[in-house]
Amino acid sequence: MRKSISQPFRRIVWPLAVAETIVWAGMLYVFPALLPTWERDLGWSIIELSGAFTLSLIVSAVMAPAAGRLIDRGYGRATLTGGALLGAGMLVLLSQVNEIWQFYLVWFCLGVANAGALYEACFAFLTRAMGADAKRAITLVTLVAGFAGTLSFPSASTLADLYGWRAAVIVFAGVIVAVAVPLMWSSGSHAESHAAGHLAPASGKTSQAAWVTRTATFWLLALSFCLISIDHGIVITHVLPLLNDRGVQADAAVLAASMIGPMQVAGRLAMMAAERYASTLILAIACYFSMGLAAAALYGTGWASGLVVVFVICQGAGVGVMSILRPVLIAECLGRRDFGVISGLIAVPTMIGYAFSPSIAALLREVGGYDLVLLLAILAMAVATVALLAAWRGAAARTSVAKPREGSEI
């Protein structure tokens, strides 16, 4: 790494990478990690419990533009640390719930907290702070935070077995306050001074910042990213019954599902090696093709069981790289000025698509079985690819006839 950027990475990016790992583990992955325990101890069905998580995702999506606007206006440090503090407080309250309405209220508030503390806000913060080095910074954060699930699942299970799930969520809250919050605050204090030399000023009004919603490029990108989230949500939330439906044994299915996370990290490492030889668009198209191939491989697993390996590699690598490329594509197509608001606006359909994807898959399964679900996943990636190419072409056409907006490179 160049000497000129080593200090910003050490002071801004590395602390934020560790902090993101902790907040992801404690404020999002804690739900699937403790879901079986809650079903057993609280007596509510998985459908009832899952509804709270869907609500949380929708709230987070709706709040994303507001969080992005705060970051654009220079309040990134307060947004990130405030989100983490609110999340820790909600985890403490979660340890006290006894009624279903209390559970839903806590996860509603966690949705607000996640909008300010997780990837959408973090990427907007890094895009603002790191300028031309944002892509490298985002890559580093996702490489480290990719192990959040590895941290959350075993620690939550162990703590719940030893001391009960109520104590487990309090421990998560304590780690967020003791470790993640100070790291976010420290990162933010260095980021503002580092960013001062290359920032494009934020628009004075939110309505001015939302100019992109009047462009076809914005809606094509939003459609493309929404379809990706639907594809991944369908596959991930139904992965075990999908594999079982294809004849994969239970132990092998669990192993396959657990390897998707490490494949995300592997995909990001492969991208770092390939990015000097391929453009952002080519890398994104490769990811779309990879995810479409994953669904096709899963479709064929019933006839050739070895295709499950292709599914795991392609799905994990494709999703892992796209988590990095998504903010890069937004910045290259729509510019870096008001990036927080723009990214937040695009996050709304993206996160809502993910939130409803389990229900979409369940309904399709009732109509035509998992074959129909996988055909939808393949079709979604095909349409997403066309939408992305159209968005890229539209952005290129616009910049060819007009001066690019200030700070349009990431």
Foldseek 3Di string as FASTA:
>chain_A
DDPVCPVLCVQAQVLLLVLQLLCCLQLPLLCVLCVVVCCVPQVDDSVLSLVLLLLLLLLLLVCQLVLLLCLLQLNLLVLQLVLLLQSLVLLLQVLVDNDSVSSSVSSNSSSNSCSRHHLLSVLLNLCLQVFQCSLVSSLVSLLSSLCSNVVRNVQQVVCCVVPRNSVSSNVSSVCSVVRSNVSSNRSSVVRVVRNVVAGDHADPDVVVLPPCVVDLLLVLLLLLLLLLLLLLLQCLVCQQVLLVVLVDDNVVSVVLSVLLSVLLSVLSVVCVVCPVPDPLLVLLLQLLVLSLQLLVLSLCCSPPVVSSVSNSNSNSNSVSVCSSSSLQLCLLQPNSHSSSSSSSNSSNSNSSSSSCSNVVSVVVCVVPRCNSVSVSSNVSSVSSSVSSVVSVVRSVVVCVVDPDDRSSHD
